[in-house]
Protein backbone atom coordinates (compact mmCIF):
# COMPACT_ATOMS: atom_id res chain seq x y z
CA UNK A 1 -12.45 76.85 29.60
CA UNK A 2 -12.48 73.91 31.96
CA UNK A 3 -10.15 71.03 31.19
CA UNK A 4 -11.98 68.83 33.86
CA UNK A 5 -14.75 69.15 36.22
CA UNK A 6 -16.37 67.85 39.43
CA UNK A 7 -20.23 67.46 38.72
CA UNK A 8 -22.66 66.55 41.55
CA UNK A 9 -26.44 65.81 41.32
CA UNK A 10 -28.63 65.38 44.39
CA UNK A 11 -32.40 64.75 44.64
CA UNK A 12 -34.41 63.64 47.57
CA UNK A 13 -37.19 61.93 45.71
CA UNK A 14 -37.35 61.12 41.95
CA UNK A 15 -35.66 59.71 38.87
CA UNK A 16 -32.16 60.62 37.66
CA UNK A 17 -31.11 59.70 34.10
CA UNK A 18 -27.56 60.63 32.97
CA UNK A 19 -25.63 60.01 29.73
CA UNK A 20 -22.99 61.55 27.47
CA UNK A 21 -23.58 63.59 24.38
CA UNK A 22 -23.70 67.22 25.45
CA UNK A 23 -22.30 69.70 22.93
CA UNK A 24 -18.58 69.92 23.17
CA UNK A 25 -18.60 73.47 24.50
CA UNK A 26 -21.29 72.68 27.20
CA UNK A 27 -20.60 70.93 30.50
CA UNK A 28 -24.07 69.49 30.86
CA UNK A 29 -27.49 69.98 29.24
CA UNK A 30 -30.91 68.70 30.09
CA UNK A 31 -33.97 69.24 32.35
CA UNK A 32 -34.73 68.59 35.92
CA UNK A 33 -38.38 67.65 36.48
CA UNK A 34 -39.54 69.16 39.82
CA UNK A 35 -42.83 69.22 41.62
CA UNK A 36 -44.06 72.68 42.54
CA UNK A 37 -43.16 71.96 46.14
CA UNK A 38 -39.31 71.63 45.31
CA UNK A 39 -36.84 74.17 44.25
CA UNK A 40 -33.69 73.68 42.15
CA UNK A 41 -30.42 74.89 43.67
CA UNK A 42 -27.35 75.19 41.31
CA UNK A 43 -23.85 76.22 42.22
CA UNK A 44 -21.13 76.69 39.54
CA UNK A 45 -17.57 77.50 40.46
CA UNK A 46 -15.54 78.63 37.31
CA UNK A 47 -12.37 76.77 36.50
CA UNK A 48 -9.39 77.17 38.76
CA UNK A 49 -6.17 75.57 37.40
CA UNK A 50 -8.44 74.25 34.61
CA UNK A 51 -10.94 72.52 36.94
CA UNK A 52 -14.61 73.57 37.28
CA UNK A 53 -17.29 72.56 39.85
CA UNK A 54 -21.01 72.22 39.35
CA UNK A 55 -23.73 71.11 41.85
CA UNK A 56 -27.33 70.70 40.89
CA UNK A 57 -29.59 69.81 43.86
CA UNK A 58 -33.35 69.72 44.49
CA UNK A 59 -34.04 70.91 47.99
CA UNK A 60 -34.59 68.47 50.78
CA UNK A 61 -38.37 68.08 50.62
CA UNK A 62 -38.91 64.53 51.74
CA UNK A 63 -42.70 64.57 52.07
CA UNK A 64 -44.64 65.41 49.00
CA UNK A 65 -48.38 65.78 48.64
CA UNK A 66 -50.18 62.69 47.50
CA UNK A 67 -51.11 64.24 44.00
CA UNK A 68 -47.66 65.88 43.38
CA UNK A 69 -46.19 64.91 40.02
CA UNK A 70 -42.72 64.99 38.87
CA UNK A 71 -40.75 64.23 35.67
CA UNK A 72 -37.33 62.58 35.57
CA UNK A 73 -34.12 64.47 35.72
CA UNK A 74 -32.52 63.94 32.43
CA UNK A 75 -29.09 65.37 31.62
CA UNK A 76 -26.28 64.77 28.97
CA UNK A 77 -22.68 65.17 30.24
CA UNK A 78 -19.88 66.52 28.09
CA UNK A 79 -18.26 63.76 26.25
CA UNK A 80 -14.77 65.41 25.88
CA UNK A 81 -13.31 66.39 29.17
CA UNK A 82 -12.66 64.24 32.34
CA UNK A 83 -15.49 64.42 34.89
CA UNK A 84 -15.52 63.31 38.48
CA UNK A 85 -19.21 62.51 38.88
CA UNK A 86 -21.22 62.26 42.21
CA UNK A 87 -24.82 61.38 42.29
CA UNK A 88 -27.36 61.10 45.16
CA UNK A 89 -31.04 59.98 45.21
CA UNK A 90 -32.89 59.54 48.44
CA UNK A 91 -35.87 57.54 47.02
CA UNK A 92 -36.31 56.67 43.34
CA UNK A 93 -34.37 55.45 40.37
CA UNK A 94 -30.97 56.20 38.92
CA UNK A 95 -30.00 55.19 35.46
CA UNK A 96 -26.48 56.30 34.69
CA UNK A 97 -24.98 55.55 31.25
CA UNK A 98 -21.26 56.57 31.13
CA UNK A 99 -20.46 54.91 27.86
CA UNK A 100 -20.01 58.15 25.90
CA UNK A 101 -18.16 60.10 28.71
CA UNK A 102 -14.73 60.42 30.22
CA UNK A 103 -15.83 59.86 33.79
CA UNK A 104 -12.97 58.37 35.57
CA UNK A 105 -14.16 58.75 39.14
CA UNK A 106 -17.73 58.02 40.13
CA UNK A 107 -19.51 58.04 43.45
CA UNK A 108 -23.23 57.25 43.88
CA UNK A 109 -25.52 56.97 46.90
CA UNK A 110 -29.07 55.59 46.71
CA UNK A 111 -31.33 55.45 49.74
CA UNK A 112 -34.26 53.28 48.57
CA UNK A 113 -34.66 52.24 44.87
CA UNK A 114 -33.07 51.01 41.68
CA UNK A 115 -29.66 51.98 40.38
CA UNK A 116 -28.55 51.07 36.82
CA UNK A 117 -24.97 51.85 36.04
CA UNK A 118 -23.50 51.38 32.64
CA UNK A 119 -19.66 51.82 32.58
CA UNK A 120 -17.64 53.19 29.76
CA UNK A 121 -15.44 51.30 27.35
CA UNK A 122 -11.79 52.29 26.97
CA UNK A 123 -11.68 54.32 30.11
CA UNK A 124 -10.13 53.17 33.44
CA UNK A 125 -12.60 54.00 36.21
CA UNK A 126 -12.87 53.87 40.03
CA UNK A 127 -16.39 53.90 41.32
CA UNK A 128 -18.03 53.65 44.81
CA UNK A 129 -21.82 52.66 44.72
CA UNK A 130 -23.88 52.43 47.92
CA UNK A 131 -27.46 51.90 48.77
CA UNK A 132 -29.59 50.97 51.81
CA UNK A 133 -32.47 48.92 50.22
CA UNK A 134 -32.90 48.23 46.45
CA UNK A 135 -31.52 46.66 43.37
CA UNK A 136 -28.11 47.66 41.90
CA UNK A 137 -27.37 46.72 38.26
CA UNK A 138 -23.83 47.32 36.97
CA UNK A 139 -23.19 46.83 33.43
CA UNK A 140 -19.50 46.51 32.36
CA UNK A 141 -17.86 46.32 28.92
CA UNK A 142 -16.98 42.73 27.92
CA UNK A 143 -13.23 41.92 28.36
CA UNK A 144 -12.71 44.60 31.02
CA UNK A 145 -10.57 43.86 33.98
CA UNK A 146 -13.07 44.15 36.76
CA UNK A 147 -12.59 44.08 40.57
CA UNK A 148 -15.46 44.52 42.91
CA UNK A 149 -15.05 44.97 46.68
CA UNK A 150 -18.40 44.35 48.40
CA UNK A 151 -19.66 45.27 51.83
CA UNK A 152 -23.08 43.72 51.81
CA UNK A 153 -25.50 42.62 54.47
CA UNK A 154 -28.65 40.69 53.00
CA UNK A 155 -27.89 40.79 49.33
CA UNK A 156 -28.44 38.37 46.42
CA UNK A 157 -25.51 38.52 44.00
CA UNK A 158 -25.86 37.54 40.28
CA UNK A 159 -22.58 37.46 38.17
CA UNK A 160 -21.67 36.70 34.63
CA UNK A 161 -20.16 33.43 33.65
CA UNK A 162 -16.52 33.25 34.43
CA UNK A 163 -16.61 35.69 37.34
CA UNK A 164 -15.19 34.43 40.68
CA UNK A 165 -15.98 35.43 44.20
CA UNK A 166 -13.73 35.04 47.17
CA UNK A 167 -14.92 36.49 50.43
CA UNK A 168 -15.67 40.11 49.77
CA UNK A 169 -14.02 40.38 46.37
CA UNK A 170 -15.58 39.60 42.95
CA UNK A 171 -13.17 39.45 39.88
CA UNK A 172 -13.80 39.11 36.14
CA UNK A 173 -11.99 36.52 34.15
CA UNK A 174 -8.47 37.58 32.93
CA UNK A 175 -9.08 40.29 30.26
CA UNK A 176 -7.15 41.00 27.12
CA UNK A 177 -3.81 42.75 27.39
CA UNK A 178 -4.49 46.54 27.63
CA UNK A 179 -8.14 46.08 28.63
CA UNK A 180 -9.63 48.87 30.67
CA UNK A 181 -9.62 48.53 34.48
CA UNK A 182 -12.74 48.88 36.45
CA UNK A 183 -12.47 49.00 40.34
CA UNK A 184 -15.80 49.13 42.20
CA UNK A 185 -16.63 49.43 45.96
CA UNK A 186 -20.17 48.38 46.47
CA UNK A 187 -22.06 48.77 49.66
CA UNK A 188 -25.66 47.58 49.73
CA UNK A 189 -27.64 46.70 52.96
CA UNK A 190 -30.64 44.85 51.64
CA UNK A 191 -31.38 43.98 47.99
CA UNK A 192 -29.67 42.55 45.02
CA UNK A 193 -26.51 43.22 43.09
CA UNK A 194 -26.43 42.15 39.48
CA UNK A 195 -23.34 42.46 37.26
CA UNK A 196 -23.85 42.18 33.57
CA UNK A 197 -21.41 42.15 30.49
CA UNK A 198 -22.35 44.07 27.41
């Protein structure tokens, strides 16, 4: 049985919704909505030294017929084991809720679209989030120690009260002793970056 896992989702066009809550003996569960023009590729590597790998990928169809329809990819992640999560969407929406997970490393790439990332409480996390054009909303637990390194071009930035910005670095107010640490690298070419407390 895996004690930790690398999990990767990749889709050219569509919506990706991820959250915790899969059964304790299941790595992920859910559905991938695909138009008939697209196939789903999955690749699972059984645990080696306690670590498994899973890749779920829609093939690289970029041009879909006008009347093609697709449903969101909706998956629950295992809430018990540490997961290194990677997500890629070419055009579309990503809504990633990590509050009921043990994701400690997260990497996300969005071509054009909306990304909403909700980070977990009581888990230190390192994340890299990038996008070409769109809106990036990052929701962080209140009282967390947050450091955001930005590499942005034409971007509007909206921060919670008390956050400070110096050059390319954004910091939260001093958190409580023992608060979880959130380190974010954000790259966005054109669009808006919104950080929210919850």
